[in-house]
All heavy atoms as atom14 arrays in JSON, in Angstrom:
{
  "sequence": "PIDPVAGHIPGARCVPFSENLDATGHFLPSDQLRSRFDRLLTDQ",
  "atom14_mask": [
    [1, 1, 1, 1, 1, 1, 1, 0, 0, 0, 0, 0, 0, 0],
    [1, 1, 1, 1, 1, 1, 1, 1, 0, 0, 0, 0, 0, 0],
    [1, 1, 1, 1, 1, 1, 1, 1, 0, 0, 0, 0, 0, 0],
    [1, 1, 1, 1, 1, 1, 1, 0, 0, 0, 0, 0, 0, 0],
    [1, 1, 1, 1, 1, 1, 1, 0, 0, 0, 0, 0, 0, 0],
    [1, 1, 1, 1, 1, 0, 0, 0, 0, 0, 0, 0, 0, 0],
    [1, 1, 1, 1, 0, 0, 0, 0, 0, 0, 0, 0, 0, 0],
    [1, 1, 1, 1, 1, 1, 1, 1, 1, 1, 0, 0, 0, 0],
    [1, 1, 1, 1, 1, 1, 1, 1, 0, 0, 0, 0, 0, 0],
    [1, 1, 1, 1, 1, 1, 1, 0, 0, 0, 0, 0, 0, 0],
    [1, 1, 1, 1, 0, 0, 0, 0, 0, 0, 0, 0, 0, 0],
    [1, 1, 1, 1, 1, 0, 0, 0, 0, 0, 0, 0, 0, 0],
    [1, 1, 1, 1, 1, 1, 1, 1, 1, 1, 1, 0, 0, 0],
    [1, 1, 1, 1, 1, 1, 0, 0, 0, 0, 0, 0, 0, 0],
    [1, 1, 1, 1, 1, 1, 1, 0, 0, 0, 0, 0, 0, 0],
    [1, 1, 1, 1, 1, 1, 1, 0, 0, 0, 0, 0, 0, 0],
    [1, 1, 1, 1, 1, 1, 1, 1, 1, 1, 1, 0, 0, 0],
    [1, 1, 1, 1, 1, 1, 0, 0, 0, 0, 0, 0, 0, 0],
    [1, 1, 1, 1, 1, 1, 1, 1, 1, 0, 0, 0, 0, 0],
    [1, 1, 1, 1, 1, 1, 1, 1, 0, 0, 0, 0, 0, 0],
    [1, 1, 1, 1, 1, 1, 1, 1, 0, 0, 0, 0, 0, 0],
    [1, 1, 1, 1, 1, 1, 1, 1, 0, 0, 0, 0, 0, 0],
    [1, 1, 1, 1, 1, 0, 0, 0, 0, 0, 0, 0, 0, 0],
    [1, 1, 1, 1, 1, 1, 1, 0, 0, 0, 0, 0, 0, 0],
    [1, 1, 1, 1, 0, 0, 0, 0, 0, 0, 0, 0, 0, 0],
    [1, 1, 1, 1, 1, 1, 1, 1, 1, 1, 0, 0, 0, 0],
    [1, 1, 1, 1, 1, 1, 1, 1, 1, 1, 1, 0, 0, 0],
    [1, 1, 1, 1, 1, 1, 1, 1, 0, 0, 0, 0, 0, 0],
    [1, 1, 1, 1, 1, 1, 1, 0, 0, 0, 0, 0, 0, 0],
    [1, 1, 1, 1, 1, 1, 0, 0, 0, 0, 0, 0, 0, 0],
    [1, 1, 1, 1, 1, 1, 1, 1, 0, 0, 0, 0, 0, 0],
    [1, 1, 1, 1, 1, 1, 1, 1, 1, 0, 0, 0, 0, 0],
    [1, 1, 1, 1, 1, 1, 1, 1, 0, 0, 0, 0, 0, 0],
    [1, 1, 1, 1, 1, 1, 1, 1, 1, 1, 1, 0, 0, 0],
    [1, 1, 1, 1, 1, 1, 0, 0, 0, 0, 0, 0, 0, 0],
    [1, 1, 1, 1, 1, 1, 1, 1, 1, 1, 1, 0, 0, 0],
    [1, 1, 1, 1, 1, 1, 1, 1, 1, 1, 1, 0, 0, 0],
    [1, 1, 1, 1, 1, 1, 1, 1, 0, 0, 0, 0, 0, 0],
    [1, 1, 1, 1, 1, 1, 1, 1, 1, 1, 1, 0, 0, 0],
    [1, 1, 1, 1, 1, 1, 1, 1, 0, 0, 0, 0, 0, 0],
    [1, 1, 1, 1, 1, 1, 1, 1, 0, 0, 0, 0, 0, 0],
    [1, 1, 1, 1, 1, 1, 1, 0, 0, 0, 0, 0, 0, 0],
    [1, 1, 1, 1, 1, 1, 1, 1, 0, 0, 0, 0, 0, 0],
    [1, 1, 1, 1, 1, 1, 1, 1, 1, 0, 0, 0, 0, 0]
  ],
  "atom14_positions": [
    [[-13.88, 12.42, -1.41], [-15.18, 12.3, -2.05], [-16.24, 11.59, -1.2], [-17.41, 11.57, -1.58], [-14.87, 11.48, -3.3], [-13.7, 10.63, -2.89], [-12.89, 11.48, -1.95], [0.0, 0.0, 0.0], [0.0, 0.0, 0.0], [0.0, 0.0, 0.0], [0.0, 0.0, 0.0], [0.0, 0.0, 0.0], [0.0, 0.0, 0.0], [0.0, 0.0, 0.0]],
    [[-15.84, 11.01, -0.07], [-16.77, 10.14, 0.67], [-17.01, 10.63, 2.09], [-18.16, 10.79, 2.52], [-16.24, 8.69, 0.71], [-16.03, 8.16, -0.72], [-17.21, 7.79, 1.47], [-15.38, 6.8, -0.77], [0.0, 0.0, 0.0], [0.0, 0.0, 0.0], [0.0, 0.0, 0.0], [0.0, 0.0, 0.0], [0.0, 0.0, 0.0], [0.0, 0.0, 0.0]],
    [[-15.95, 10.88, 2.84], [-16.08, 11.21, 4.26], [-16.09, 12.71, 4.49], [-15.53, 13.48, 3.71], [-14.95, 10.54, 5.04], [-15.07, 9.03, 5.04], [-16.16, 8.53, 5.37], [-14.09, 8.34, 4.69], [0.0, 0.0, 0.0], [0.0, 0.0, 0.0], [0.0, 0.0, 0.0], [0.0, 0.0, 0.0], [0.0, 0.0, 0.0], [0.0, 0.0, 0.0]],
    [[-16.71, 13.18, 5.59], [-16.86, 14.62, 5.81], [-15.59, 15.34, 6.25], [-15.56, 16.56, 6.26], [-17.94, 14.7, 6.91], [-17.84, 13.4, 7.63], [-17.46, 12.39, 6.59], [0.0, 0.0, 0.0], [0.0, 0.0, 0.0], [0.0, 0.0, 0.0], [0.0, 0.0, 0.0], [0.0, 0.0, 0.0], [0.0, 0.0, 0.0], [0.0, 0.0, 0.0]],
    [[-14.57, 14.6, 6.65], [-13.3, 15.18, 7.07], [-12.19, 14.54, 6.25], [-12.2, 13.33, 6.02], [-13.05, 14.95, 8.58], [-11.7, 15.53, 9.0], [-14.18, 15.56, 9.4], [0.0, 0.0, 0.0], [0.0, 0.0, 0.0], [0.0, 0.0, 0.0], [0.0, 0.0, 0.0], [0.0, 0.0, 0.0], [0.0, 0.0, 0.0], [0.0, 0.0, 0.0]],
    [[-11.24, 15.35, 5.8], [-10.15, 14.85, 4.97], [-8.88, 14.69, 5.8], [-8.71, 15.34, 6.82], [-9.9, 15.8, 3.8], [0.0, 0.0, 0.0], [0.0, 0.0, 0.0], [0.0, 0.0, 0.0], [0.0, 0.0, 0.0], [0.0, 0.0, 0.0], [0.0, 0.0, 0.0], [0.0, 0.0, 0.0], [0.0, 0.0, 0.0], [0.0, 0.0, 0.0]],
    [[-7.99, 13.83, 5.32], [-6.7, 13.66, 5.98], [-6.43, 12.22, 6.32], [-6.99, 11.3, 5.71], [0.0, 0.0, 0.0], [0.0, 0.0, 0.0], [0.0, 0.0, 0.0], [0.0, 0.0, 0.0], [0.0, 0.0, 0.0], [0.0, 0.0, 0.0], [0.0, 0.0, 0.0], [0.0, 0.0, 0.0], [0.0, 0.0, 0.0], [0.0, 0.0, 0.0]],
    [[-5.55, 11.99, 7.31], [-5.2, 10.63, 7.71], [-4.83, 10.6, 9.19], [-4.68, 11.65, 9.83], [-4.05, 10.09, 6.85], [-2.78, 10.87, 6.95], [-2.46, 11.89, 6.08], [-1.72, 10.79, 7.82], [-1.28, 12.41, 6.4], [-0.81, 11.75, 7.46], [0.0, 0.0, 0.0], [0.0, 0.0, 0.0], [0.0, 0.0, 0.0], [0.0, 0.0, 0.0]],
    [[-4.68, 9.41, 9.72], [-4.28, 9.25, 11.11], [-2.8, 9.58, 11.23], [-1.99, 9.1, 10.42], [-4.57, 7.81, 11.58], [-6.08, 7.52, 11.49], [-4.1, 7.6, 13.02], [-6.45, 6.07, 11.79], [0.0, 0.0, 0.0], [0.0, 0.0, 0.0], [0.0, 0.0, 0.0], [0.0, 0.0, 0.0], [0.0, 0.0, 0.0], [0.0, 0.0, 0.0]],
    [[-2.4, 10.38, 12.2], [-0.99, 10.78, 12.32], [-0.06, 9.57, 12.4], [-0.33, 8.59, 13.09], [-0.96, 11.58, 13.62], [-2.35, 12.12, 13.75], [-3.24, 11.05, 13.21], [0.0, 0.0, 0.0], [0.0, 0.0, 0.0], [0.0, 0.0, 0.0], [0.0, 0.0, 0.0], [0.0, 0.0, 0.0], [0.0, 0.0, 0.0], [0.0, 0.0, 0.0]],
    [[1.04, 9.67, 11.66], [2.04, 8.62, 11.66], [1.82, 7.52, 10.65], [2.67, 6.66, 10.46], [0.0, 0.0, 0.0], [0.0, 0.0, 0.0], [0.0, 0.0, 0.0], [0.0, 0.0, 0.0], [0.0, 0.0, 0.0], [0.0, 0.0, 0.0], [0.0, 0.0, 0.0], [0.0, 0.0, 0.0], [0.0, 0.0, 0.0], [0.0, 0.0, 0.0]],
    [[0.66, 7.54, 9.97], [0.36, 6.49, 8.99], [1.21, 6.66, 7.74], [1.68, 7.74, 7.41], [-1.12, 6.52, 8.63], [0.0, 0.0, 0.0], [0.0, 0.0, 0.0], [0.0, 0.0, 0.0], [0.0, 0.0, 0.0], [0.0, 0.0, 0.0], [0.0, 0.0, 0.0], [0.0, 0.0, 0.0], [0.0, 0.0, 0.0], [0.0, 0.0, 0.0]],
    [[1.39, 5.55, 7.04], [2.04, 5.53, 5.75], [1.0, 5.23, 4.69], [0.1, 4.41, 4.89], [3.12, 4.43, 5.7], [4.16, 4.52, 6.83], [5.24, 5.51, 6.52], [6.02, 5.11, 5.35], [7.04, 4.25, 5.38], [7.39, 3.65, 6.53], [7.72, 3.98, 4.28], [0.0, 0.0, 0.0], [0.0, 0.0, 0.0], [0.0, 0.0, 0.0]],
    [[1.1, 5.9, 3.55], [0.15, 5.67, 2.45], [0.6, 4.45, 1.65], [1.67, 4.46, 1.03], [0.07, 6.9, 1.56], [-1.15, 6.75, 0.24], [0.0, 0.0, 0.0], [0.0, 0.0, 0.0], [0.0, 0.0, 0.0], [0.0, 0.0, 0.0], [0.0, 0.0, 0.0], [0.0, 0.0, 0.0], [0.0, 0.0, 0.0], [0.0, 0.0, 0.0]],
    [[-0.23, 3.42, 1.66], [0.07, 2.17, 0.94], [-1.17, 1.79, 0.13], [-1.96, 0.93, 0.54], [0.46, 1.04, 1.92], [0.91, -0.2, 1.16], [1.55, 1.51, 2.87], [0.0, 0.0, 0.0], [0.0, 0.0, 0.0], [0.0, 0.0, 0.0], [0.0, 0.0, 0.0], [0.0, 0.0, 0.0], [0.0, 0.0, 0.0], [0.0, 0.0, 0.0]],
    [[-1.41, 2.45, -1.0], [-2.65, 2.22, -1.75], [-2.83, 0.75, -2.14], [-1.91, 0.12, -2.67], [-2.47, 3.1, -2.99], [-1.5, 4.16, -2.58], [-0.56, 3.46, -1.65], [0.0, 0.0, 0.0], [0.0, 0.0, 0.0], [0.0, 0.0, 0.0], [0.0, 0.0, 0.0], [0.0, 0.0, 0.0], [0.0, 0.0, 0.0], [0.0, 0.0, 0.0]],
    [[-4.0, 0.23, -1.87], [-4.25, -1.19, -2.15], [-4.13, -1.49, -3.64], [-3.76, -2.61, -4.03], [-5.63, -1.6, -1.63], [-6.78, -1.28, -2.55], [-7.26, -2.22, -3.45], [-7.36, -0.02, -2.54], [-8.31, -1.92, -4.31], [-8.41, 0.29, -3.39], [-8.88, -0.66, -4.28], [0.0, 0.0, 0.0], [0.0, 0.0, 0.0], [0.0, 0.0, 0.0]],
    [[-4.44, -0.5, -4.48], [-4.4, -0.73, -5.93], [-3.0, -1.09, -6.42], [-2.85, -1.73, -7.47], [-4.9, 0.52, -6.67], [-4.11, 1.64, -6.34], [0.0, 0.0, 0.0], [0.0, 0.0, 0.0], [0.0, 0.0, 0.0], [0.0, 0.0, 0.0], [0.0, 0.0, 0.0], [0.0, 0.0, 0.0], [0.0, 0.0, 0.0], [0.0, 0.0, 0.0]],
    [[-1.99, -0.73, -5.66], [-0.62, -1.02, -6.07], [-0.19, -2.44, -5.71], [0.95, -2.84, -5.97], [0.34, 0.01, -5.47], [0.09, 1.41, -6.01], [1.01, 2.47, -5.43], [2.02, 2.11, -4.8], [0.69, 3.67, -5.6], [0.0, 0.0, 0.0], [0.0, 0.0, 0.0], [0.0, 0.0, 0.0], [0.0, 0.0, 0.0], [0.0, 0.0, 0.0]],
    [[-1.11, -3.23, -5.16], [-0.86, -4.66, -5.0], [-1.13, -5.42, -6.29], [-0.88, -6.63, -6.36], [-1.77, -5.25, -3.91], [-1.49, -4.65, -2.54], [-0.35, -4.39, -2.19], [-2.55, -4.42, -1.78], [0.0, 0.0, 0.0], [0.0, 0.0, 0.0], [0.0, 0.0, 0.0], [0.0, 0.0, 0.0], [0.0, 0.0, 0.0], [0.0, 0.0, 0.0]],
    [[-1.63, -4.72, -7.31], [-2.07, -5.34, -8.56], [-1.21, -4.88, -9.72], [-0.62, -3.79, -9.7], [-3.53, -4.97, -8.84], [-4.54, -5.25, -7.72], [-5.87, -4.62, -8.06], [-4.68, -6.75, -7.48], [0.0, 0.0, 0.0], [0.0, 0.0, 0.0], [0.0, 0.0, 0.0], [0.0, 0.0, 0.0], [0.0, 0.0, 0.0], [0.0, 0.0, 0.0]],
    [[-1.18, -5.71, -10.77], [-0.49, -5.3, -11.99], [-1.47, -4.58, -12.9], [-2.64, -4.35, -12.54], [0.18, -6.49, -12.68], [-0.8, -7.55, -13.18], [-2.0, -7.24, -13.33], [-0.36, -8.68, -13.43], [0.0, 0.0, 0.0], [0.0, 0.0, 0.0], [0.0, 0.0, 0.0], [0.0, 0.0, 0.0], [0.0, 0.0, 0.0], [0.0, 0.0, 0.0]],
    [[-1.02, -4.24, -14.1], [-1.85, -3.46, -15.02], [-3.09, -4.22, -15.49], [-4.05, -3.61, -15.96], [-1.01, -3.02, -16.22], [0.0, 0.0, 0.0], [0.0, 0.0, 0.0], [0.0, 0.0, 0.0], [0.0, 0.0, 0.0], [0.0, 0.0, 0.0], [0.0, 0.0, 0.0], [0.0, 0.0, 0.0], [0.0, 0.0, 0.0], [0.0, 0.0, 0.0]],
    [[-3.09, -5.54, -15.36], [-4.24, -6.33, -15.8], [-5.23, -6.6, -14.68], [-6.25, -7.26, -14.89], [-3.77, -7.69, -16.37], [-3.24, -8.5, -15.31], [-2.7, -7.48, -17.44], [0.0, 0.0, 0.0], [0.0, 0.0, 0.0], [0.0, 0.0, 0.0], [0.0, 0.0, 0.0], [0.0, 0.0, 0.0], [0.0, 0.0, 0.0], [0.0, 0.0, 0.0]],
    [[-4.94, -6.11, -13.46], [-5.83, -6.34, -12.34], [-5.55, -7.62, -11.58], [-6.33, -7.99, -10.69], [0.0, 0.0, 0.0], [0.0, 0.0, 0.0], [0.0, 0.0, 0.0], [0.0, 0.0, 0.0], [0.0, 0.0, 0.0], [0.0, 0.0, 0.0], [0.0, 0.0, 0.0], [0.0, 0.0, 0.0], [0.0, 0.0, 0.0], [0.0, 0.0, 0.0]],
    [[-4.46, -8.29, -11.88], [-4.05, -9.48, -11.14], [-3.07, -9.09, -10.03], [-2.36, -8.09, -10.15], [-3.39, -10.5, -12.07], [-4.32, -11.12, -13.06], [-4.74, -10.45, -14.2], [-4.92, -12.34, -13.1], [-5.55, -11.23, -14.89], [-5.69, -12.38, -14.24], [0.0, 0.0, 0.0], [0.0, 0.0, 0.0], [0.0, 0.0, 0.0], [0.0, 0.0, 0.0]],
    [[-3.02, -9.89, -8.99], [-2.09, -9.62, -7.9], [-0.65, -9.75, -8.39], [-0.34, -10.61, -9.23], [-2.33, -10.58, -6.73], [-3.5, -10.19, -5.87], [-4.78, -10.58, -6.21], [-3.31, -9.45, -4.71], [-5.87, -10.23, -5.42], [-4.4, -9.1, -3.91], [-5.68, -9.49, -4.27], [0.0, 0.0, 0.0], [0.0, 0.0, 0.0], [0.0, 0.0, 0.0]],
    [[0.21, -8.89, -7.87], [1.63, -8.99, -8.17], [2.18, -10.31, -7.64], [1.65, -10.87, -6.67], [2.38, -7.84, -7.51], [2.07, -6.42, -8.01], [2.78, -5.4, -7.12], [2.5, -6.25, -9.46], [0.0, 0.0, 0.0], [0.0, 0.0, 0.0], [0.0, 0.0, 0.0], [0.0, 0.0, 0.0], [0.0, 0.0, 0.0], [0.0, 0.0, 0.0]],
    [[3.26, -10.81, -8.23], [3.91, -12.0, -7.67], [4.32, -11.77, -6.23], [4.59, -10.63, -5.81], [5.12, -12.2, -8.58], [4.78, -11.5, -9.85], [3.92, -10.33, -9.46], [0.0, 0.0, 0.0], [0.0, 0.0, 0.0], [0.0, 0.0, 0.0], [0.0, 0.0, 0.0], [0.0, 0.0, 0.0], [0.0, 0.0, 0.0], [0.0, 0.0, 0.0]],
    [[4.39, -12.83, -5.45], [4.65, -12.7, -4.02], [5.98, -12.03, -3.73], [6.09, -11.28, -2.75], [4.59, -14.08, -3.35], [5.53, -14.96, -3.94], [0.0, 0.0, 0.0], [0.0, 0.0, 0.0], [0.0, 0.0, 0.0], [0.0, 0.0, 0.0], [0.0, 0.0, 0.0], [0.0, 0.0, 0.0], [0.0, 0.0, 0.0], [0.0, 0.0, 0.0]],
    [[7.0, -12.25, -4.57], [8.29, -11.62, -4.3], [8.22, -10.11, -4.49], [8.87, -9.36, -3.76], [9.4, -12.24, -5.15], [9.13, -12.13, -6.64], [7.97, -11.95, -7.05], [10.11, -12.24, -7.43], [0.0, 0.0, 0.0], [0.0, 0.0, 0.0], [0.0, 0.0, 0.0], [0.0, 0.0, 0.0], [0.0, 0.0, 0.0], [0.0, 0.0, 0.0]],
    [[7.41, -9.65, -5.45], [7.25, -8.21, -5.64], [6.45, -7.6, -4.49], [6.74, -6.49, -4.04], [6.57, -7.93, -6.98], [7.42, -8.28, -8.19], [6.76, -7.89, -9.49], [6.04, -6.9, -9.58], [6.99, -8.7, -10.52], [0.0, 0.0, 0.0], [0.0, 0.0, 0.0], [0.0, 0.0, 0.0], [0.0, 0.0, 0.0], [0.0, 0.0, 0.0]],
    [[5.44, -8.31, -4.03], [4.7, -7.84, -2.87], [5.6, -7.79, -1.64], [5.54, -6.84, -0.84], [3.49, -8.73, -2.6], [2.35, -8.67, -3.61], [1.34, -9.78, -3.35], [1.67, -7.3, -3.56], [0.0, 0.0, 0.0], [0.0, 0.0, 0.0], [0.0, 0.0, 0.0], [0.0, 0.0, 0.0], [0.0, 0.0, 0.0], [0.0, 0.0, 0.0]],
    [[6.45, -8.79, -1.5], [7.38, -8.81, -0.36], [8.29, -7.59, -0.39], [8.5, -6.93, 0.64], [8.21, -10.1, -0.4], [9.14, -10.25, 0.8], [8.4, -10.81, 1.99], [9.17, -10.7, 3.21], [8.86, -11.35, 4.33], [7.81, -12.13, 4.37], [9.58, -11.2, 5.42], [0.0, 0.0, 0.0], [0.0, 0.0, 0.0], [0.0, 0.0, 0.0]],
    [[8.8, -7.25, -1.55], [9.68, -6.08, -1.66], [8.92, -4.81, -1.31], [9.45, -3.91, -0.65], [10.24, -5.97, -3.09], [11.07, -7.07, -3.39], [0.0, 0.0, 0.0], [0.0, 0.0, 0.0], [0.0, 0.0, 0.0], [0.0, 0.0, 0.0], [0.0, 0.0, 0.0], [0.0, 0.0, 0.0], [0.0, 0.0, 0.0], [0.0, 0.0, 0.0]],
    [[7.66, -4.75, -1.73], [6.86, -3.56, -1.44], [6.7, -3.36, 0.06], [6.89, -2.26, 0.58], [5.49, -3.7, -2.1], [4.61, -2.48, -1.87], [3.23, -2.61, -2.48], [2.63, -1.28, -2.47], [1.35, -1.04, -2.25], [0.5, -2.03, -2.06], [0.89, 0.2, -2.24], [0.0, 0.0, 0.0], [0.0, 0.0, 0.0], [0.0, 0.0, 0.0]],
    [[6.35, -4.42, 0.77], [6.08, -4.28, 2.2], [7.36, -4.27, 3.03], [7.39, -3.67, 4.11], [5.13, -5.38, 2.65], [3.75, -5.25, 2.06], [3.25, -6.21, 1.2], [2.96, -4.14, 2.34], [1.99, -6.08, 0.64], [1.7, -3.99, 1.79], [1.21, -4.97, 0.93], [0.0, 0.0, 0.0], [0.0, 0.0, 0.0], [0.0, 0.0, 0.0]],
    [[8.41, -4.92, 2.54], [9.69, -4.88, 3.26], [10.18, -3.44, 3.43], [10.76, -3.07, 4.46], [10.76, -5.68, 2.52], [10.69, -7.17, 2.82], [9.97, -7.56, 3.76], [11.36, -7.95, 2.12], [0.0, 0.0, 0.0], [0.0, 0.0, 0.0], [0.0, 0.0, 0.0], [0.0, 0.0, 0.0], [0.0, 0.0, 0.0], [0.0, 0.0, 0.0]],
    [[9.93, -2.62, 2.42], [10.4, -1.23, 2.48], [9.69, -0.44, 3.57], [10.2, 0.56, 4.08], [10.19, -0.55, 1.12], [11.11, -1.06, 0.02], [11.09, -0.16, -1.19], [9.8, -0.14, -1.85], [9.45, -0.99, -2.83], [10.3, -1.92, -3.23], [8.26, -0.91, -3.39], [0.0, 0.0, 0.0], [0.0, 0.0, 0.0], [0.0, 0.0, 0.0]],
    [[8.48, -0.87, 3.92], [7.72, -0.17, 4.96], [8.24, -0.5, 6.35], [8.25, 0.34, 7.25], [6.25, -0.57, 4.89], [5.47, -0.15, 3.65], [4.13, -0.83, 3.65], [5.32, 1.36, 3.62], [0.0, 0.0, 0.0], [0.0, 0.0, 0.0], [0.0, 0.0, 0.0], [0.0, 0.0, 0.0], [0.0, 0.0, 0.0], [0.0, 0.0, 0.0]],
    [[8.65, -1.74, 6.53], [8.98, -2.2, 7.88], [10.41, -1.88, 8.28], [10.68, -1.64, 9.46], [8.73, -3.71, 7.98], [7.26, -4.08, 8.07], [7.05, -5.57, 7.83], [6.69, -3.71, 9.44], [0.0, 0.0, 0.0], [0.0, 0.0, 0.0], [0.0, 0.0, 0.0], [0.0, 0.0, 0.0], [0.0, 0.0, 0.0], [0.0, 0.0, 0.0]],
    [[11.34, -1.87, 7.33], [12.76, -1.65, 7.6], [13.19, -2.49, 8.81], [13.28, -3.69, 8.71], [13.07, -0.16, 7.79], [12.26, 0.39, 8.85], [12.8, 0.62, 6.51], [0.0, 0.0, 0.0], [0.0, 0.0, 0.0], [0.0, 0.0, 0.0], [0.0, 0.0, 0.0], [0.0, 0.0, 0.0], [0.0, 0.0, 0.0], [0.0, 0.0, 0.0]],
    [[13.41, -1.85, 9.96], [13.88, -2.6, 11.13], [12.76, -2.99, 12.09], [13.02, -3.52, 13.16], [14.92, -1.77, 11.9], [16.16, -1.51, 11.06], [16.51, -2.4, 10.26], [16.77, -0.44, 11.2], [0.0, 0.0, 0.0], [0.0, 0.0, 0.0], [0.0, 0.0, 0.0], [0.0, 0.0, 0.0], [0.0, 0.0, 0.0], [0.0, 0.0, 0.0]],
    [[11.52, -2.73, 11.71], [10.4, -3.04, 12.6], [9.94, -4.48, 12.41], [9.88, -4.98, 11.28], [9.21, -2.11, 12.29], [9.48, -0.64, 12.61], [9.17, -0.34, 14.07], [9.67, -0.99, 14.96], [8.34, 0.65, 14.29], [0.0, 0.0, 0.0], [0.0, 0.0, 0.0], [0.0, 0.0, 0.0], [0.0, 0.0, 0.0], [0.0, 0.0, 0.0]]
  ]
}
């Protein structure tokens, strides 16, 4: 809806910022955020 070209940078992972929040709009507890990002890094 915003930029003239659609898509993403090759190799990127989709990590929507909205999923850092709970249903009330507050940030998730740090341990839940840690689990979210740990899954992205694996052995990196």
